[in-house]
Amino acid sequence: MTWLTRNLQRFLIALLVLALFGGAVIVMTFVAIPADNRDSIIQLVGGVNTLAGLVVGYYFGKASAEGGEG
């Protein structure tokens, strides 16, 4: 598959991570989380939050100012 370049793969993974983060925020806002699952859900959202931060750091951080990696 020549159309699926490394940069496109990174971009698609970044979109997936940001979609997961957005979905997690929506679920945490509008769905009542049972008390038994509260800690597990908070840890999962925290992990996705960290990944979203890495995505934003990659695309808007120092690497983007230098032309990115690649």
C-alpha atoms as a PDB file:
ATOM      1  CA  MET A   1       0.000   0.000   0.000  1.00  0.00           C
ATOM      2  CA  THR A   2       1.888   3.005  -1.185  1.00  0.00           C
ATOM      3  CA  TRP A   3      -0.829   5.502  -0.225  1.00  0.00           C
ATOM      4  CA  LEU A   4      -0.493   4.649   3.491  1.00  0.00           C
ATOM      5  CA  THR A   5       2.721   6.508   4.241  1.00  0.00           C
ATOM      6  CA  ARG A   6       4.342   6.758   7.649  1.00  0.00           C
ATOM      7  CA  ASN A   7       3.108  10.333   8.128  1.00  0.00           C
ATOM      8  CA  LEU A   8      -0.449   9.330   7.222  1.00  0.00           C
ATOM      9  CA  GLN A   9      -0.272   6.424   9.668  1.00  0.00           C
ATOM     10  CA  ARG A  10       0.831   8.796  12.437  1.00  0.00           C
ATOM     11  CA  PHE A  11      -1.932  11.221  11.559  1.00  0.00           C
ATOM     12  CA  LEU A  12      -4.612   8.506  11.608  1.00  0.00           C
ATOM     13  CA  ILE A  13      -3.396   7.187  14.964  1.00  0.00           C
ATOM     14  CA  ALA A  14      -3.447  10.744  16.304  1.00  0.00           C
ATOM     15  CA  LEU A  15      -7.039  11.171  15.098  1.00  0.00           C
ATOM     16  CA  LEU A  16      -7.998   7.903  16.780  1.00  0.00           C
ATOM     17  CA  VAL A  17      -6.454   9.003  20.084  1.00  0.00           C
ATOM     18  CA  LEU A  18      -8.182  12.378  19.959  1.00  0.00           C
ATOM     19  CA  ALA A  19     -11.502  10.698  19.102  1.00  0.00           C
ATOM     20  CA  LEU A  20     -11.075   8.388  22.102  1.00  0.00           C
ATOM     21  CA  PHE A  21     -10.337  11.384  24.309  1.00  0.00           C
ATOM     22  CA  GLY A  22     -13.398  13.242  23.035  1.00  0.00           C
ATOM     23  CA  GLY A  23     -15.555  10.173  23.565  1.00  0.00           C
ATOM     24  CA  ALA A  24     -14.224   9.745  27.088  1.00  0.00           C
ATOM     25  CA  VAL A  25     -15.006  13.370  27.931  1.00  0.00           C
ATOM     26  CA  ILE A  26     -18.528  13.009  26.567  1.00  0.00           C
ATOM     27  CA  VAL A  27     -19.108   9.790  28.519  1.00  0.00           C
ATOM     28  CA  MET A  28     -17.759  11.320  31.735  1.00  0.00           C
ATOM     29  CA  THR A  29     -20.043  14.323  31.229  1.00  0.00           C
ATOM     30  CA  PHE A  30     -23.346  12.705  30.310  1.00  0.00           C
ATOM     31  CA  VAL A  31     -23.249   9.126  31.660  1.00  0.00           C
ATOM     32  CA  ALA A  32     -23.555   8.289  35.331  1.00  0.00           C
ATOM     33  CA  ILE A  33     -20.601   6.112  36.323  1.00  0.00           C
ATOM     34  CA  PRO A  34     -21.345   3.511  39.022  1.00  0.00           C
ATOM     35  CA  ALA A  35     -19.375   4.025  42.227  1.00  0.00           C
ATOM     36  CA  ASP A  36     -17.764   0.570  41.885  1.00  0.00           C
ATOM     37  CA  ASN A  37     -16.260   1.485  38.493  1.00  0.00           C
ATOM     38  CA  ARG A  38     -15.346   5.089  39.248  1.00  0.00           C
ATOM     39  CA  ASP A  39     -11.629   4.549  39.934  1.00  0.00           C
ATOM     40  CA  SER A  40     -11.125   2.324  36.890  1.00  0.00           C
ATOM     41  CA  ILE A  41     -12.843   4.794  34.574  1.00  0.00           C
ATOM     42  CA  ILE A  42     -10.814   7.691  35.960  1.00  0.00           C
ATOM     43  CA  GLN A  43      -7.576   5.767  35.333  1.00  0.00           C
ATOM     44  CA  LEU A  44      -8.614   4.926  31.770  1.00  0.00           C
ATOM     45  CA  VAL A  45      -9.535   8.535  31.029  1.00  0.00           C
ATOM     46  CA  GLY A  46      -6.250   9.663  32.568  1.00  0.00           C
ATOM     47  CA  GLY A  47      -4.334   7.335  30.249  1.00  0.00           C
ATOM     48  CA  VAL A  48      -6.180   8.581  27.189  1.00  0.00           C
ATOM     49  CA  ASN A  49      -5.611  12.143  28.399  1.00  0.00           C
ATOM     50  CA  THR A  50      -1.866  11.471  28.504  1.00  0.00           C
ATOM     51  CA  LEU A  51      -1.942  10.071  24.966  1.00  0.00           C
ATOM     52  CA  ALA A  52      -3.879  13.113  23.753  1.00  0.00           C
ATOM     53  CA  GLY A  53      -1.238  15.330  25.333  1.00  0.00           C
ATOM     54  CA  LEU A  54       1.478  13.443  23.475  1.00  0.00           C
ATOM     55  CA  VAL A  55      -0.391  13.873  20.192  1.00  0.00           C
ATOM     56  CA  VAL A  56      -0.763  17.619  20.731  1.00  0.00           C
ATOM     57  CA  GLY A  57       2.874  17.862  21.781  1.00  0.00           C
ATOM     58  CA  TYR A  58       4.001  16.070  18.656  1.00  0.00           C
ATOM     59  CA  TYR A  59       1.982  18.157  16.224  1.00  0.00           C
ATOM     60  CA  PHE A  60       2.330  21.532  17.938  1.00  0.00           C
ATOM     61  CA  GLY A  61       5.492  21.176  19.999  1.00  0.00           C
ATOM     62  CA  LYS A  62       9.144  21.622  19.240  1.00  0.00           C
ATOM     63  CA  ALA A  63       9.194  18.900  16.555  1.00  0.00           C
ATOM     64  CA  SER A  64       6.667  20.781  14.414  1.00  0.00           C
ATOM     65  CA  ALA A  65       8.741  23.973  14.565  1.00  0.00           C
ATOM     66  CA  GLU A  66      11.771  22.057  13.277  1.00  0.00           C
ATOM     67  CA  GLY A  67       9.889  20.386  10.452  1.00  0.00           C
ATOM     68  CA  GLY A  68       8.834  17.278  12.372  1.00  0.00           C
ATOM     69  CA  GLU A  69      10.332  13.834  12.476  1.00  0.00           C
ATOM     70  CA  GLY A  70      10.236  11.549   9.727  1.00  0.00           C
END
